[in-house]
PDB file of N, CA and C in Angstrom:
ATOM      1  N   MET A   1    -185.117 100.922 -23.200  1.00  0.00           N
ATOM      2  CA  MET A   1    -183.864 101.771 -23.066  1.00  0.00           C
ATOM      3  C   MET A   1    -183.883 102.890 -24.129  1.00  0.00           C
ATOM      4  N   PRO A   2    -183.238 104.021 -23.630  1.00  0.00           N
ATOM      5  CA  PRO A   2    -183.573 105.231 -24.351  1.00  0.00           C
ATOM      6  C   PRO A   2    -182.995 105.144 -25.745  1.00  0.00           C
ATOM      7  N   LEU A   3    -183.592 105.729 -26.831  1.00  0.00           N
ATOM      8  CA  LEU A   3    -183.104 105.784 -28.153  1.00  0.00           C
ATOM      9  C   LEU A   3    -182.526 107.023 -28.589  1.00  0.00           C
ATOM     10  N   PHE A   4    -181.285 106.903 -29.200  1.00  0.00           N
ATOM     11  CA  PHE A   4    -180.507 108.178 -29.639  1.00  0.00           C
ATOM     12  C   PHE A   4    -180.266 108.124 -31.220  1.00  0.00           C
ATOM     13  N   ILE A   5    -180.160 109.430 -31.675  1.00  0.00           N
ATOM     14  CA  ILE A   5    -179.700 109.545 -33.270  1.00  0.00           C
ATOM     15  C   ILE A   5    -178.526 110.596 -33.084  1.00  0.00           C
ATOM     16  N   ASP A   6    -177.333 110.069 -33.589  1.00  0.00           N
ATOM     17  CA  ASP A   6    -176.203 110.802 -33.432  1.00  0.00           C
ATOM     18  C   ASP A   6    -175.974 111.298 -35.001  1.00  0.00           C
ATOM     19  N   VAL A   7    -175.323 112.599 -34.974  1.00  0.00           N
ATOM     20  CA  VAL A   7    -175.072 113.312 -36.212  1.00  0.00           C
ATOM     21  C   VAL A   7    -173.576 113.550 -36.295  1.00  0.00           C
ATOM     22  N   HIS A   8    -172.826 113.031 -37.495  1.00  0.00           N
ATOM     23  CA  HIS A   8    -171.575 113.270 -37.770  1.00  0.00           C
ATOM     24  C   HIS A   8    -171.608 114.300 -38.975  1.00  0.00           C
ATOM     25  N   GLU A   9    -171.253 115.627 -38.511  1.00  0.00           N
ATOM     26  CA  GLU A   9    -171.675 116.641 -39.301  1.00  0.00           C
ATOM     27  C   GLU A   9    -170.416 116.688 -40.633  1.00  0.00           C
ATOM     28  N   GLN A  10    -169.450 116.195 -40.284  1.00  0.00           N
ATOM     29  CA  GLN A  10    -168.470 116.127 -41.365  1.00  0.00           C
ATOM     30  C   GLN A  10    -167.551 114.872 -41.336  1.00  0.00           C
ATOM     31  N   LEU A  11    -167.463 114.062 -42.074  1.00  0.00           N
ATOM     32  CA  LEU A  11    -166.766 112.734 -42.082  1.00  0.00           C
ATOM     33  C   LEU A  11    -165.412 113.278 -42.706  1.00  0.00           C
ATOM     34  N   PRO A  12    -164.465 112.395 -42.342  1.00  0.00           N
ATOM     35  CA  PRO A  12    -163.048 112.579 -42.713  1.00  0.00           C
ATOM     36  C   PRO A  12    -162.779 112.760 -44.493  1.00  0.00           C
ATOM     37  N   GLU A  13    -162.109 113.849 -44.910  1.00  0.00           N
ATOM     38  CA  GLU A  13    -161.897 113.851 -46.362  1.00  0.00           C
ATOM     39  C   GLU A  13    -161.891 112.504 -47.095  1.00  0.00           C
ATOM     40  N   GLY A  14    -162.977 112.305 -48.101  1.00  0.00           N
ATOM     41  CA  GLY A  14    -162.869 111.333 -48.795  1.00  0.00           C
ATOM     42  C   GLY A  14    -163.436 110.053 -48.416  1.00  0.00           C
ATOM     43  N   ALA A  15    -164.121 110.092 -47.169  1.00  0.00           N
ATOM     44  CA  ALA A  15    -164.860 108.762 -46.719  1.00  0.00           C
ATOM     45  C   ALA A  15    -165.896 108.361 -47.413  1.00  0.00           C
ATOM     46  N   THR A  16    -166.277 107.208 -47.551  1.00  0.00           N
ATOM     47  CA  THR A  16    -167.099 106.672 -48.502  1.00  0.00           C
ATOM     48  C   THR A  16    -168.153 105.797 -47.537  1.00  0.00           C
ATOM     49  N   ALA A  17    -169.486 105.428 -48.184  1.00  0.00           N
ATOM     50  CA  ALA A  17    -170.137 104.589 -47.313  1.00  0.00           C
ATOM     51  C   ALA A  17    -169.349 103.351 -46.889  1.00  0.00           C
ATOM     52  N   GLY A  18    -168.650 102.980 -47.625  1.00  0.00           N
ATOM     53  CA  GLY A  18    -167.877 101.778 -47.173  1.00  0.00           C
ATOM     54  C   GLY A  18    -167.171 101.822 -46.176  1.00  0.00           C
ATOM     55  N   ASP A  19    -166.512 103.083 -46.037  1.00  0.00           N
ATOM     56  CA  ASP A  19    -165.799 103.470 -44.671  1.00  0.00           C
ATOM     57  C   ASP A  19    -166.697 103.585 -43.452  1.00  0.00           C
ATOM     58  N   VAL A  20    -167.911 104.137 -43.555  1.00  0.00           N
ATOM     59  CA  VAL A  20    -168.686 104.130 -42.515  1.00  0.00           C
ATOM     60  C   VAL A  20    -169.302 102.772 -42.144  1.00  0.00           C
ATOM     61  N   ALA A  21    -169.435 101.877 -43.281  1.00  0.00           N
ATOM     62  CA  ALA A  21    -169.691 100.500 -42.865  1.00  0.00           C
ATOM     63  C   ALA A  21    -168.839  99.835 -41.987  1.00  0.00           C
ATOM     64  N   ALA A  22    -167.567 100.175 -42.292  1.00  0.00           N
ATOM     65  CA  ALA A  22    -166.502  99.532 -41.675  1.00  0.00           C
ATOM     66  C   ALA A  22    -166.432 100.048 -40.209  1.00  0.00           C
ATOM     67  N   ALA A  23    -166.673 101.292 -40.067  1.00  0.00           N
ATOM     68  CA  ALA A  23    -166.738 101.957 -38.705  1.00  0.00           C
ATOM     69  C   ALA A  23    -167.993 101.322 -37.736  1.00  0.00           C
ATOM     70  N   HIS A  24    -169.202 101.126 -38.723  1.00  0.00           N
ATOM     71  CA  HIS A  24    -170.142 100.502 -37.757  1.00  0.00           C
ATOM     72  C   HIS A  24    -169.891  99.052 -37.427  1.00  0.00           C
ATOM     73  N   THR A  25    -169.163  98.510 -38.304  1.00  0.00           N
ATOM     74  CA  THR A  25    -168.781  96.880 -37.805  1.00  0.00           C
ATOM     75  C   THR A  25    -167.723  97.071 -36.424  1.00  0.00           C
ATOM     76  N   ALA A  26    -167.055  98.062 -36.413  1.00  0.00           N
ATOM     77  CA  ALA A  26    -166.214  98.245 -35.266  1.00  0.00           C
ATOM     78  C   ALA A  26    -167.051  98.585 -34.170  1.00  0.00           C
ATOM     79  N   ASP A  27    -168.267  99.204 -34.337  1.00  0.00           N
ATOM     80  CA  ASP A  27    -168.989  99.684 -33.147  1.00  0.00           C
ATOM     81  C   ASP A  27    -169.738  98.422 -32.575  1.00  0.00           C
ATOM     82  N   LEU A  28    -170.141  97.558 -33.719  1.00  0.00           N
ATOM     83  CA  LEU A  28    -171.102  96.426 -33.306  1.00  0.00           C
ATOM     84  C   LEU A  28    -170.092  95.201 -32.529  1.00  0.00           C
ATOM     85  N   SER A  29    -168.617  95.231 -32.732  1.00  0.00           N
ATOM     86  CA  SER A  29    -167.913  94.590 -32.104  1.00  0.00           C
ATOM     87  C   SER A  29    -167.572  94.907 -30.576  1.00  0.00           C
ATOM     88  N   LEU A  30    -167.991  96.039 -30.233  1.00  0.00           N
ATOM     89  CA  LEU A  30    -167.577  96.803 -28.773  1.00  0.00           C
ATOM     90  C   LEU A  30    -168.900  97.159 -28.066  1.00  0.00           C
ATOM     91  N   GLN A  31    -169.994  97.130 -28.760  1.00  0.00           N
ATOM     92  CA  GLN A  31    -171.185  97.775 -28.168  1.00  0.00           C
ATOM     93  C   GLN A  31    -171.650  96.941 -26.955  1.00  0.00           C
ATOM     94  N   GLU A  32    -171.651  95.573 -27.014  1.00  0.00           N
ATOM     95  CA  GLU A  32    -172.105  95.053 -25.672  1.00  0.00           C
ATOM     96  C   GLU A  32    -171.356  95.234 -24.586  1.00  0.00           C
ATOM     97  N   GLN A  33    -169.978  95.765 -24.567  1.00  0.00           N
ATOM     98  CA  GLN A  33    -169.436  96.052 -23.252  1.00  0.00           C
ATOM     99  C   GLN A  33    -169.964  97.389 -22.593  1.00  0.00           C
ATOM    100  N   TYR A  34    -170.636  98.078 -23.502  1.00  0.00           N
ATOM    101  CA  TYR A  34    -171.077  99.226 -22.948  1.00  0.00           C
ATOM    102  C   TYR A  34    -172.724  99.425 -22.810  1.00  0.00           C
ATOM    103  N   GLY A  35    -173.209  98.169 -22.899  1.00  0.00           N
ATOM    104  CA  GLY A  35    -174.695  98.152 -23.066  1.00  0.00           C
ATOM    105  C   GLY A  35    -175.355  98.796 -24.141  1.00  0.00           C
ATOM    106  N   VAL A  36    -174.870  98.783 -25.239  1.00  0.00           N
ATOM    107  CA  VAL A  36    -175.202  99.698 -26.147  1.00  0.00           C
ATOM    108  C   VAL A  36    -175.771  98.795 -27.505  1.00  0.00           C
ATOM    109  N   ASN A  37    -176.698  99.372 -28.375  1.00  0.00           N
ATOM    110  CA  ASN A  37    -177.183  98.612 -29.443  1.00  0.00           C
ATOM    111  C   ASN A  37    -177.261  99.299 -30.614  1.00  0.00           C
ATOM    112  N   TYR A  38    -176.179  99.582 -31.455  1.00  0.00           N
ATOM    113  CA  TYR A  38    -176.267 100.448 -32.593  1.00  0.00           C
ATOM    114  C   TYR A  38    -177.335  99.676 -33.595  1.00  0.00           C
ATOM    115  N   ARG A  39    -178.447 100.205 -34.075  1.00  0.00           N
ATOM    116  CA  ARG A  39    -179.286  99.740 -34.804  1.00  0.00           C
ATOM    117  C   ARG A  39    -179.346  99.682 -36.291  1.00  0.00           C
ATOM    118  N   ARG A  40    -178.958 101.090 -36.675  1.00  0.00           N
ATOM    119  CA  ARG A  40    -178.923 101.587 -38.018  1.00  0.00           C
ATOM    120  C   ARG A  40    -178.084 102.586 -38.154  1.00  0.00           C
ATOM    121  N   TYR A  41    -177.712 102.855 -39.381  1.00  0.00           N
ATOM    122  CA  TYR A  41    -176.790 104.086 -39.941  1.00  0.00           C
ATOM    123  C   TYR A  41    -177.227 104.549 -41.175  1.00  0.00           C
ATOM    124  N   TRP A  42    -176.944 105.692 -41.567  1.00  0.00           N
ATOM    125  CA  TRP A  42    -177.476 106.535 -42.703  1.00  0.00           C
ATOM    126  C   TRP A  42    -176.107 107.115 -43.263  1.00  0.00           C
ATOM    127  N   VAL A  43    -175.741 107.245 -44.605  1.00  0.00           N
ATOM    128  CA  VAL A  43    -174.547 108.164 -44.850  1.00  0.00           C
ATOM    129  C   VAL A  43    -175.097 109.101 -46.171  1.00  0.00           C
ATOM    130  N   ASP A  44    -174.641 110.196 -46.212  1.00  0.00           N
ATOM    131  CA  ASP A  44    -174.927 111.356 -47.244  1.00  0.00           C
ATOM    132  C   ASP A  44    -173.438 111.430 -47.801  1.00  0.00           C
ATOM    133  N   GLU A  45    -172.976 110.618 -48.746  1.00  0.00           N
ATOM    134  CA  GLU A  45    -171.546 110.955 -49.127  1.00  0.00           C
ATOM    135  C   GLU A  45    -171.293 112.243 -49.877  1.00  0.00           C
ATOM    136  N   SER A  46    -172.338 112.946 -50.373  1.00  0.00           N
ATOM    137  CA  SER A  46    -172.198 114.185 -51.036  1.00  0.00           C
ATOM    138  C   SER A  46    -171.783 115.220 -50.044  1.00  0.00           C
ATOM    139  N   SER A  47    -172.754 115.250 -48.990  1.00  0.00           N
ATOM    140  CA  SER A  47    -172.322 116.322 -48.014  1.00  0.00           C
ATOM    141  C   SER A  47    -171.360 115.819 -46.791  1.00  0.00           C
ATOM    142  N   GLY A  48    -171.014 114.625 -46.724  1.00  0.00           N
ATOM    143  CA  GLY A  48    -169.893 114.219 -45.975  1.00  0.00           C
ATOM    144  C   GLY A  48    -170.463 114.017 -44.498  1.00  0.00           C
ATOM    145  N   LYS A  49    -171.945 113.664 -44.647  1.00  0.00           N
ATOM    146  CA  LYS A  49    -172.671 113.257 -43.149  1.00  0.00           C
ATOM    147  C   LYS A  49    -172.916 111.882 -42.975  1.00  0.00           C
ATOM    148  N   ALA A  50    -173.142 111.542 -41.817  1.00  0.00           N
ATOM    149  CA  ALA A  50    -173.475 110.261 -41.235  1.00  0.00           C
ATOM    150  C   ALA A  50    -174.329 110.498 -40.012  1.00  0.00           C
ATOM    151  N   PHE A  51    -175.487 109.416 -40.022  1.00  0.00           N
ATOM    152  CA  PHE A  51    -176.054 109.545 -38.654  1.00  0.00           C
ATOM    153  C   PHE A  51    -176.397 107.901 -38.260  1.00  0.00           C
ATOM    154  N   CYS A  52    -176.512 107.887 -36.876  1.00  0.00           N
ATOM    155  CA  CYS A  52    -176.467 106.486 -36.358  1.00  0.00           C
ATOM    156  C   CYS A  52    -177.639 106.732 -35.304  1.00  0.00           C
ATOM    157  N   LEU A  53    -178.451 105.557 -35.306  1.00  0.00           N
ATOM    158  CA  LEU A  53    -179.462 105.304 -34.530  1.00  0.00           C
ATOM    159  C   LEU A  53    -179.113 104.073 -33.476  1.00  0.00           C
ATOM    160  N   VAL A  54    -178.984 104.534 -32.466  1.00  0.00           N
ATOM    161  CA  VAL A  54    -178.660 103.582 -31.244  1.00  0.00           C
ATOM    162  C   VAL A  54    -179.513 103.642 -30.078  1.00  0.00           C
ATOM    163  N   GLU A  55    -179.480 102.263 -29.342  1.00  0.00           N
ATOM    164  CA  GLU A  55    -180.315 102.129 -28.132  1.00  0.00           C
ATOM    165  C   GLU A  55    -178.952 102.266 -27.147  1.00  0.00           C
ATOM    166  N   ALA A  56    -179.090 102.880 -26.064  1.00  0.00           N
ATOM    167  CA  ALA A  56    -177.992 103.095 -25.122  1.00  0.00           C
ATOM    168  C   ALA A  56    -178.701 103.630 -23.740  1.00  0.00           C
ATOM    169  N   PRO A  57    -177.960 103.172 -22.474  1.00  0.00           N
ATOM    170  CA  PRO A  57    -178.356 103.676 -21.380  1.00  0.00           C
ATOM    171  C   PRO A  57    -178.363 105.119 -21.235  1.00  0.00           C
ATOM    172  N   ASP A  58    -177.300 105.789 -21.981  1.00  0.00           N
ATOM    173  CA  ASP A  58    -177.269 107.150 -21.979  1.00  0.00           C
ATOM    174  C   ASP A  58    -176.269 107.649 -23.063  1.00  0.00           C
ATOM    175  N   ALA A  59    -176.380 108.885 -23.322  1.00  0.00           N
ATOM    176  CA  ALA A  59    -175.704 109.567 -24.531  1.00  0.00           C
ATOM    177  C   ALA A  59    -174.325 108.987 -24.415  1.00  0.00           C
ATOM    178  N   GLU A  60    -173.667 109.184 -23.130  1.00  0.00           N
ATOM    179  CA  GLU A  60    -172.176 108.938 -22.945  1.00  0.00           C
ATOM    180  C   GLU A  60    -171.805 107.420 -23.473  1.00  0.00           C
ATOM    181  N   SER A  61    -172.762 106.689 -22.989  1.00  0.00           N
ATOM    182  CA  SER A  61    -172.306 105.187 -23.424  1.00  0.00           C
ATOM    183  C   SER A  61    -172.194 105.131 -24.943  1.00  0.00           C
ATOM    184  N   ALA A  62    -173.359 105.716 -25.680  1.00  0.00           N
ATOM    185  CA  ALA A  62    -173.033 105.662 -27.097  1.00  0.00           C
ATOM    186  C   ALA A  62    -171.862 106.122 -27.808  1.00  0.00           C
ATOM    187  N   ILE A  63    -171.503 107.403 -27.337  1.00  0.00           N
ATOM    188  CA  ILE A  63    -170.358 108.291 -27.481  1.00  0.00           C
ATOM    189  C   ILE A  63    -169.101 107.567 -27.045  1.00  0.00           C
ATOM    190  N   ALA A  64    -169.056 106.745 -26.088  1.00  0.00           N
ATOM    191  CA  ALA A  64    -167.918 105.966 -25.788  1.00  0.00           C
ATOM    192  C   ALA A  64    -167.552 104.752 -26.755  1.00  0.00           C
ATOM    193  N   VAL A  65    -168.465 104.053 -27.535  1.00  0.00           N
ATOM    194  CA  VAL A  65    -168.387 102.839 -28.122  1.00  0.00           C
ATOM    195  C   VAL A  65    -167.766 103.597 -29.529  1.00  0.00           C
ATOM    196  N   HIS A  66    -168.451 104.820 -30.039  1.00  0.00           N
ATOM    197  CA  HIS A  66    -167.718 105.446 -31.397  1.00  0.00           C
ATOM    198  C   HIS A  66    -166.335 105.624 -30.972  1.00  0.00           C
ATOM    199  N   ARG A  67    -166.038 106.466 -29.787  1.00  0.00           N
ATOM    200  CA  ARG A  67    -164.714 106.791 -29.438  1.00  0.00           C
ATOM    201  C   ARG A  67    -163.682 105.576 -29.383  1.00  0.00           C
ATOM    202  N   GLU A  68    -163.989 104.493 -28.849  1.00  0.00           N
ATOM    203  CA  GLU A  68    -163.210 103.425 -28.661  1.00  0.00           C
ATOM    204  C   GLU A  68    -163.049 102.540 -29.933  1.00  0.00           C
ATOM    205  N   ALA A  69    -163.986 102.483 -30.788  1.00  0.00           N
ATOM    206  CA  ALA A  69    -164.194 101.650 -31.920  1.00  0.00           C
ATOM    207  C   ALA A  69    -163.287 102.187 -33.039  1.00  0.00           C
ATOM    208  N   HIS A  70    -163.445 103.515 -33.296  1.00  0.00           N
ATOM    209  CA  HIS A  70    -162.964 104.208 -34.409  1.00  0.00           C
ATOM    210  C   HIS A  70    -162.596 105.655 -34.479  1.00  0.00           C
ATOM    211  N   GLY A  71    -162.858 106.143 -33.205  1.00  0.00           N
ATOM    212  CA  GLY A  71    -162.459 107.796 -32.913  1.00  0.00           C
ATOM    213  C   GLY A  71    -163.453 108.686 -33.507  1.00  0.00           C
ATOM    214  N   LEU A  72    -164.549 108.384 -34.497  1.00  0.00           N
ATOM    215  CA  LEU A  72    -165.256 109.229 -35.106  1.00  0.00           C
ATOM    216  C   LEU A  72    -166.695 109.598 -34.276  1.00  0.00           C
ATOM    217  N   VAL A  73    -166.311 110.545 -33.453  1.00  0.00           N
ATOM    218  CA  VAL A  73    -167.442 110.714 -32.349  1.00  0.00           C
ATOM    219  C   VAL A  73    -168.093 111.679 -32.975  1.00  0.00           C
ATOM    220  N   ALA A  74    -169.654 111.579 -32.772  1.00  0.00           N
ATOM    221  CA  ALA A  74    -170.859 112.437 -33.187  1.00  0.00           C
ATOM    222  C   ALA A  74    -170.694 113.954 -32.940  1.00  0.00           C
ATOM    223  N   ASP A  75    -170.961 114.837 -33.749  1.00  0.00           N
ATOM    224  CA  ASP A  75    -170.904 116.374 -33.518  1.00  0.00           C
ATOM    225  C   ASP A  75    -172.170 116.636 -32.579  1.00  0.00           C
ATOM    226  N   ARG A  76    -173.129 115.845 -32.730  1.00  0.00           N
ATOM    227  CA  ARG A  76    -174.509 116.172 -31.954  1.00  0.00           C
ATOM    228  C   ARG A  76    -175.042 114.748 -31.870  1.00  0.00           C
ATOM    229  N   ILE A  77    -176.014 114.642 -30.723  1.00  0.00           N
ATOM    230  CA  ILE A  77    -176.563 113.456 -30.299  1.00  0.00           C
ATOM    231  C   ILE A  77    -178.177 113.915 -29.770  1.00  0.00           C
ATOM    232  N   PHE A  78    -179.080 113.090 -30.284  1.00  0.00           N
ATOM    233  CA  PHE A  78    -180.507 113.497 -29.643  1.00  0.00           C
ATOM    234  C   PHE A  78    -180.989 112.279 -29.158  1.00  0.00           C
ATOM    235  N   GLU A  79    -181.665 112.480 -27.992  1.00  0.00           N
ATOM    236  CA  GLU A  79    -182.593 111.162 -27.444  1.00  0.00           C
ATOM    237  C   GLU A  79    -183.905 111.622 -28.266  1.00  0.00           C
ATOM    238  N   VAL A  80    -184.266 110.461 -28.795  1.00  0.00           N
ATOM    239  CA  VAL A  80    -185.568 110.537 -29.611  1.00  0.00           C
ATOM    240  C   VAL A  80    -186.500 109.408 -29.195  1.00  0.00           C
ATOM    241  N   VAL A  81    -187.939 109.770 -29.572  1.00  0.00           N
ATOM    242  CA  VAL A  81    -188.849 108.519 -29.503  1.00  0.00           C
ATOM    243  C   VAL A  81    -189.089 108.042 -30.787  1.00  0.00           C
ATOM    244  N   GLU A  82    -189.200 106.768 -31.235  1.00  0.00           N
ATOM    245  CA  GLU A  82    -189.515 105.995 -32.108  1.00  0.00           C
ATOM    246  C   GLU A  82    -190.949 106.093 -32.692  1.00  0.00           C
ATOM    247  N   GLY A  83    -191.226 106.459 -33.868  1.00  0.00           N
ATOM    248  CA  GLY A  83    -192.704 106.599 -34.279  1.00  0.00           C
ATOM    249  C   GLY A  83    -192.995 105.359 -35.140  1.00  0.00           C
ATOM    250  N   GLY A  84    -194.196 105.484 -35.790  1.00  0.00           N
ATOM    251  CA  GLY A  84    -194.724 104.365 -36.589  1.00  0.00           C
ATOM    252  C   GLY A  84    -194.329 104.623 -38.100  1.00  0.00           C
TER     253      GLY A  84
END
């Protein structure tokens, strides 16, 4: 299955790593409906950015999970190949 990294360029004002963790939990609760697997995420609180690693049939499916789970749709999404 294709692998994607999405980039959230600007989280909502005051968002914390804990807020992103809650959003990730919401993603996990819906991902199966879309055939998606959100594997990991990273947060840079100082710059207000977040990054998600997701297996999905296509970018649109990954975006749909974010949209339905919490509304924080990524600004950019890239299909990537995992390295060692």
